[in-house]
């Protein structure tokens, strides 16, 4: 980075409306991600099969688990993704958002 430039931290808030046309594909994708994750199941309350079954029964949780907000700035020069939060909810949009 050019030493004469001072990095600026900005906050970007997003809301994305999605239509899920294939809930089984979403949950299957989430379960596949869970299975390929490097999780030490001996330190978890659940085991892999139990966690996978929970994801299969939770479309909202499955969708939230596969969203990758770190890719929002892919290809944008001069921007470094530092972290964020992404979640999914069902029902009507919240007021004020």
Protein backbone atom coordinates (compact mmCIF):
# COMPACT_ATOMS: atom_id res chain seq x y z
CA UNK A 1 0.00 0.00 0.00
CA UNK A 2 1.19 3.53 -0.74
CA UNK A 3 2.45 4.96 2.58
CA UNK A 4 0.89 8.37 1.82
CA UNK A 5 -2.60 6.90 1.79
CA UNK A 6 -4.41 6.16 5.02
CA UNK A 7 -6.84 3.23 4.92
CA UNK A 8 -10.43 4.11 5.76
CA UNK A 9 -12.77 1.62 7.42
CA UNK A 10 -16.31 1.77 6.06
CA UNK A 11 -19.44 -0.13 7.00
CA UNK A 12 -21.77 -1.36 4.28
CA UNK A 13 -25.18 -2.66 5.25
CA UNK A 14 -27.02 -4.88 2.79
CA UNK A 15 -30.35 -6.53 2.45
CA UNK A 16 -30.87 -9.03 -0.32
CA UNK A 17 -34.24 -10.51 -1.20
CA UNK A 18 -33.97 -14.06 -2.52
CA UNK A 19 -36.43 -16.58 -3.88
CA UNK A 20 -35.49 -20.19 -3.21
CA UNK A 21 -36.73 -22.33 -6.08
CA UNK A 22 -35.12 -25.58 -4.92
CA UNK A 23 -34.94 -25.89 -1.12
CA UNK A 24 -33.45 -29.39 -1.31
CA UNK A 25 -30.57 -28.13 -3.47
CA UNK A 26 -29.86 -25.38 -0.93
CA UNK A 27 -29.83 -27.74 2.04
CA UNK A 28 -27.77 -30.32 0.12
CA UNK A 29 -25.21 -27.62 -0.70
CA UNK A 30 -25.07 -26.56 2.95
CA UNK A 31 -24.63 -30.16 4.12
CA UNK A 32 -21.84 -30.70 1.56
CA UNK A 33 -20.08 -27.61 2.90
CA UNK A 34 -20.46 -28.88 6.44
CA UNK A 35 -19.04 -32.27 5.49
CA UNK A 36 -16.02 -30.69 3.78
CA UNK A 37 -15.34 -28.22 6.61
CA UNK A 38 -12.35 -28.89 8.78
CA UNK A 39 -14.31 -29.30 12.02
CA UNK A 40 -12.97 -31.18 15.00
CA UNK A 41 -16.21 -32.93 15.92
CA UNK A 42 -14.75 -34.20 19.20
CA UNK A 43 -15.01 -30.61 20.52
CA UNK A 44 -18.59 -30.08 19.37
CA UNK A 45 -21.87 -30.90 21.09
CA UNK A 46 -23.17 -32.61 17.93
CA UNK A 47 -21.63 -35.08 15.57
CA UNK A 48 -21.45 -34.62 11.80
CA UNK A 49 -24.57 -36.65 11.02
CA UNK A 50 -26.68 -34.82 13.62
CA UNK A 51 -25.50 -31.41 12.42
CA UNK A 52 -26.16 -32.38 8.80
CA UNK A 53 -29.66 -33.56 9.67
CA UNK A 54 -30.36 -30.25 11.46
CA UNK A 55 -29.28 -28.33 8.35
CA UNK A 56 -31.52 -30.46 6.13
CA UNK A 57 -34.48 -29.43 8.29
CA UNK A 58 -33.58 -25.73 8.40
CA UNK A 59 -33.76 -23.99 5.01
CA UNK A 60 -33.09 -20.54 6.49
CA UNK A 61 -30.07 -21.76 8.44
CA UNK A 62 -28.80 -23.68 5.42
CA UNK A 63 -29.04 -20.64 3.18
CA UNK A 64 -27.27 -18.43 5.71
CA UNK A 65 -24.49 -20.98 6.08
CA UNK A 66 -23.62 -20.93 2.37
CA UNK A 67 -23.76 -17.18 1.73
CA UNK A 68 -20.26 -15.82 1.24
CA UNK A 69 -20.24 -12.09 1.83
CA UNK A 70 -16.46 -12.04 1.68
CA UNK A 71 -16.80 -12.18 -2.12
CA UNK A 72 -18.71 -8.88 -2.29
CA UNK A 73 -15.50 -6.99 -3.03
CA UNK A 74 -13.92 -9.56 -5.36
CA UNK A 75 -12.30 -7.70 -8.23
CA UNK A 76 -12.62 -4.27 -6.61
CA UNK A 77 -9.15 -2.70 -6.42
CA UNK A 78 -8.09 -1.04 -3.21
CA UNK A 79 -10.67 -2.78 -1.02
CA UNK A 80 -9.84 -5.46 1.53
CA UNK A 81 -12.64 -7.50 3.09
CA UNK A 82 -12.15 -7.62 6.87
CA UNK A 83 -15.30 -9.31 8.11
CA UNK A 84 -19.00 -8.95 8.32
CA UNK A 85 -22.23 -10.66 9.15
CA UNK A 86 -24.70 -12.37 6.94
CA UNK A 87 -27.95 -13.93 8.00
CA UNK A 88 -31.22 -15.15 6.54
CA UNK A 89 -34.74 -14.74 7.85
CA UNK A 90 -38.09 -15.88 6.56
CA UNK A 91 -41.20 -13.73 6.49
CA UNK A 92 -41.69 -10.03 5.84
CA UNK A 93 -38.77 -7.61 5.78
CA UNK A 94 -37.99 -5.83 9.02
CA UNK A 95 -39.05 -2.19 9.30
CA UNK A 96 -36.28 0.30 8.85
CA UNK A 97 -34.03 -1.97 6.92
